[in-house]
Amino acid sequence: MAITRINEFVAAEGKADELFAFLKSLIPHISSSEGCELCEVLQSADDKNRFVVLEKWLSVESHTQSVANFPKEQMQAAMPLFGAPPKGCFYHG
């Protein structure tokens, strides 16, 4: 069953531009993962420190496999950009 994943991010103070660039840099990795139908990074119009990453997947398993293949060193290096722990949920229509 197709599934949508909505991930929420908050930038650390003064790090919004860097976090936005980092999140956008992940699009090729996510989009090229097996089972990914869509990946989009959006910045809030009301609060430049808030972002969402919208992902559409063929299945939860496809998403899980993509995360397992994420560049872990890149993720660790980006940790100072986050002002709060990321949140994410799966949705279906």
C-alpha atoms as a PDB file:
ATOM      1  CA  MET A   1       0.000   0.000   0.000  1.00  0.00           C
ATOM      2  CA  ALA A   2       1.336   3.465  -0.902  1.00  0.00           C
ATOM      3  CA  ILE A   3       2.238   5.593   2.087  1.00  0.00           C
ATOM      4  CA  THR A   4       3.158   9.233   2.761  1.00  0.00           C
ATOM      5  CA  ARG A   5       5.821  10.194   5.280  1.00  0.00           C
ATOM      6  CA  ILE A   6       5.840  13.726   6.714  1.00  0.00           C
ATOM      7  CA  ASN A   7       9.012  14.657   8.574  1.00  0.00           C
ATOM      8  CA  GLU A   8       9.246  17.845  10.642  1.00  0.00           C
ATOM      9  CA  PHE A   9      12.473  19.695  11.410  1.00  0.00           C
ATOM     10  CA  VAL A  10      13.373  22.784  13.437  1.00  0.00           C
ATOM     11  CA  ALA A  11      16.646  24.590  12.814  1.00  0.00           C
ATOM     12  CA  ALA A  12      18.989  25.630  15.598  1.00  0.00           C
ATOM     13  CA  GLU A  13      19.187  29.404  16.101  1.00  0.00           C
ATOM     14  CA  GLY A  14      20.899  30.998  13.099  1.00  0.00           C
ATOM     15  CA  LYS A  15      21.120  27.693  11.195  1.00  0.00           C
ATOM     16  CA  ALA A  16      17.958  27.825   9.038  1.00  0.00           C
ATOM     17  CA  ASP A  17      19.762  28.373   5.730  1.00  0.00           C
ATOM     18  CA  GLU A  18      22.284  25.618   6.464  1.00  0.00           C
ATOM     19  CA  LEU A  19      19.584  23.150   7.518  1.00  0.00           C
ATOM     20  CA  PHE A  20      17.519  23.952   4.422  1.00  0.00           C
ATOM     21  CA  ALA A  21      20.561  23.318   2.207  1.00  0.00           C
ATOM     22  CA  PHE A  22      21.346  20.084   4.052  1.00  0.00           C
ATOM     23  CA  LEU A  23      17.782  18.762   3.754  1.00  0.00           C
ATOM     24  CA  LYS A  24      17.715  19.608   0.037  1.00  0.00           C
ATOM     25  CA  SER A  25      21.040  17.794  -0.392  1.00  0.00           C
ATOM     26  CA  LEU A  26      19.303  14.580   0.743  1.00  0.00           C
ATOM     27  CA  ILE A  27      16.707  14.701  -2.058  1.00  0.00           C
ATOM     28  CA  PRO A  28      18.839  12.786  -4.613  1.00  0.00           C
ATOM     29  CA  HIS A  29      19.515  10.004  -2.089  1.00  0.00           C
ATOM     30  CA  ILE A  30      15.856   9.724  -1.109  1.00  0.00           C
ATOM     31  CA  SER A  31      14.444  10.117  -4.634  1.00  0.00           C
ATOM     32  CA  SER A  32      16.739   7.468  -6.074  1.00  0.00           C
ATOM     33  CA  SER A  33      15.826   4.938  -3.379  1.00  0.00           C
ATOM     34  CA  GLU A  34      13.746   1.989  -4.524  1.00  0.00           C
ATOM     35  CA  GLY A  35      10.059   2.615  -3.865  1.00  0.00           C
ATOM     36  CA  CYS A  36      10.264   6.415  -3.584  1.00  0.00           C
ATOM     37  CA  GLU A  37       7.625   8.196  -5.644  1.00  0.00           C
ATOM     38  CA  LEU A  38       8.161  11.773  -4.382  1.00  0.00           C
ATOM     39  CA  CYS A  39      10.450  13.758  -2.107  1.00  0.00           C
ATOM     40  CA  GLU A  40       9.985  17.457  -1.422  1.00  0.00           C
ATOM     41  CA  VAL A  41      11.591  19.819   1.124  1.00  0.00           C
ATOM     42  CA  LEU A  42       9.488  22.788   2.218  1.00  0.00           C
ATOM     43  CA  GLN A  43      10.289  25.764   4.456  1.00  0.00           C
ATOM     44  CA  SER A  44       7.491  27.322   6.511  1.00  0.00           C
ATOM     45  CA  ALA A  45       6.192  30.631   5.187  1.00  0.00           C
ATOM     46  CA  ASP A  46       5.535  31.736   8.792  1.00  0.00           C
ATOM     47  CA  ASP A  47       8.717  30.549  10.537  1.00  0.00           C
ATOM     48  CA  LYS A  48      11.934  30.219   8.525  1.00  0.00           C
ATOM     49  CA  ASN A  49      13.318  27.787  11.138  1.00  0.00           C
ATOM     50  CA  ARG A  50      10.638  25.131  10.438  1.00  0.00           C
ATOM     51  CA  PHE A  51      10.786  22.600   7.613  1.00  0.00           C
ATOM     52  CA  VAL A  52       8.926  19.557   6.386  1.00  0.00           C
ATOM     53  CA  VAL A  53      10.136  16.795   4.124  1.00  0.00           C
ATOM     54  CA  LEU A  54       7.255  15.137   2.271  1.00  0.00           C
ATOM     55  CA  GLU A  55       7.926  11.659   0.961  1.00  0.00           C
ATOM     56  CA  LYS A  56       5.647   9.272  -0.931  1.00  0.00           C
ATOM     57  CA  TRP A  57       6.626   5.600  -0.863  1.00  0.00           C
ATOM     58  CA  LEU A  58       5.301   2.349  -2.265  1.00  0.00           C
ATOM     59  CA  SER A  59       5.486   0.927   1.271  1.00  0.00           C
ATOM     60  CA  VAL A  60       6.763   1.562   4.796  1.00  0.00           C
ATOM     61  CA  GLU A  61       9.397  -1.088   4.099  1.00  0.00           C
ATOM     62  CA  SER A  62      10.736   0.927   1.148  1.00  0.00           C
ATOM     63  CA  HIS A  63      11.173   3.937   3.419  1.00  0.00           C
ATOM     64  CA  THR A  64      12.819   1.840   6.129  1.00  0.00           C
ATOM     65  CA  GLN A  65      15.318   0.428   3.632  1.00  0.00           C
ATOM     66  CA  SER A  66      16.132   3.925   2.375  1.00  0.00           C
ATOM     67  CA  VAL A  67      16.864   5.142   5.906  1.00  0.00           C
ATOM     68  CA  ALA A  68      19.119   2.136   6.526  1.00  0.00           C
ATOM     69  CA  ASN A  69      21.199   3.231   3.521  1.00  0.00           C
ATOM     70  CA  PHE A  70      21.458   6.904   4.560  1.00  0.00           C
ATOM     71  CA  PRO A  71      24.932   8.439   4.672  1.00  0.00           C
ATOM     72  CA  LYS A  72      25.410   8.231   8.449  1.00  0.00           C
ATOM     73  CA  GLU A  73      28.545  10.427   8.563  1.00  0.00           C
ATOM     74  CA  GLN A  74      26.659  13.173   6.749  1.00  0.00           C
ATOM     75  CA  MET A  75      23.776  12.904   9.229  1.00  0.00           C
ATOM     76  CA  GLN A  76      26.137  13.075  12.237  1.00  0.00           C
ATOM     77  CA  ALA A  77      27.865  16.154  10.821  1.00  0.00           C
ATOM     78  CA  ALA A  78      24.470  17.894  10.455  1.00  0.00           C
ATOM     79  CA  MET A  79      23.367  17.381  14.080  1.00  0.00           C
ATOM     80  CA  PRO A  80      24.395  20.935  15.176  1.00  0.00           C
ATOM     81  CA  LEU A  81      21.912  22.309  12.614  1.00  0.00           C
ATOM     82  CA  PHE A  82      18.902  20.852  14.462  1.00  0.00           C
ATOM     83  CA  GLY A  83      17.197  22.909  17.172  1.00  0.00           C
ATOM     84  CA  ALA A  84      14.963  20.007  18.242  1.00  0.00           C
ATOM     85  CA  PRO A  85      14.782  16.282  17.550  1.00  0.00           C
ATOM     86  CA  PRO A  86      13.198  15.588  14.143  1.00  0.00           C
ATOM     87  CA  LYS A  87       9.662  14.176  14.114  1.00  0.00           C
ATOM     88  CA  GLY A  88       8.007  12.032  11.493  1.00  0.00           C
ATOM     89  CA  CYS A  89       4.864   9.995  10.872  1.00  0.00           C
ATOM     90  CA  PHE A  90       3.400   7.810   8.149  1.00  0.00           C
ATOM     91  CA  TYR A  91       0.010   8.696   6.635  1.00  0.00           C
ATOM     92  CA  HIS A  92      -2.285   6.917   4.202  1.00  0.00           C
ATOM     93  CA  GLY A  93      -5.265   8.164   2.257  1.00  0.00           C
END
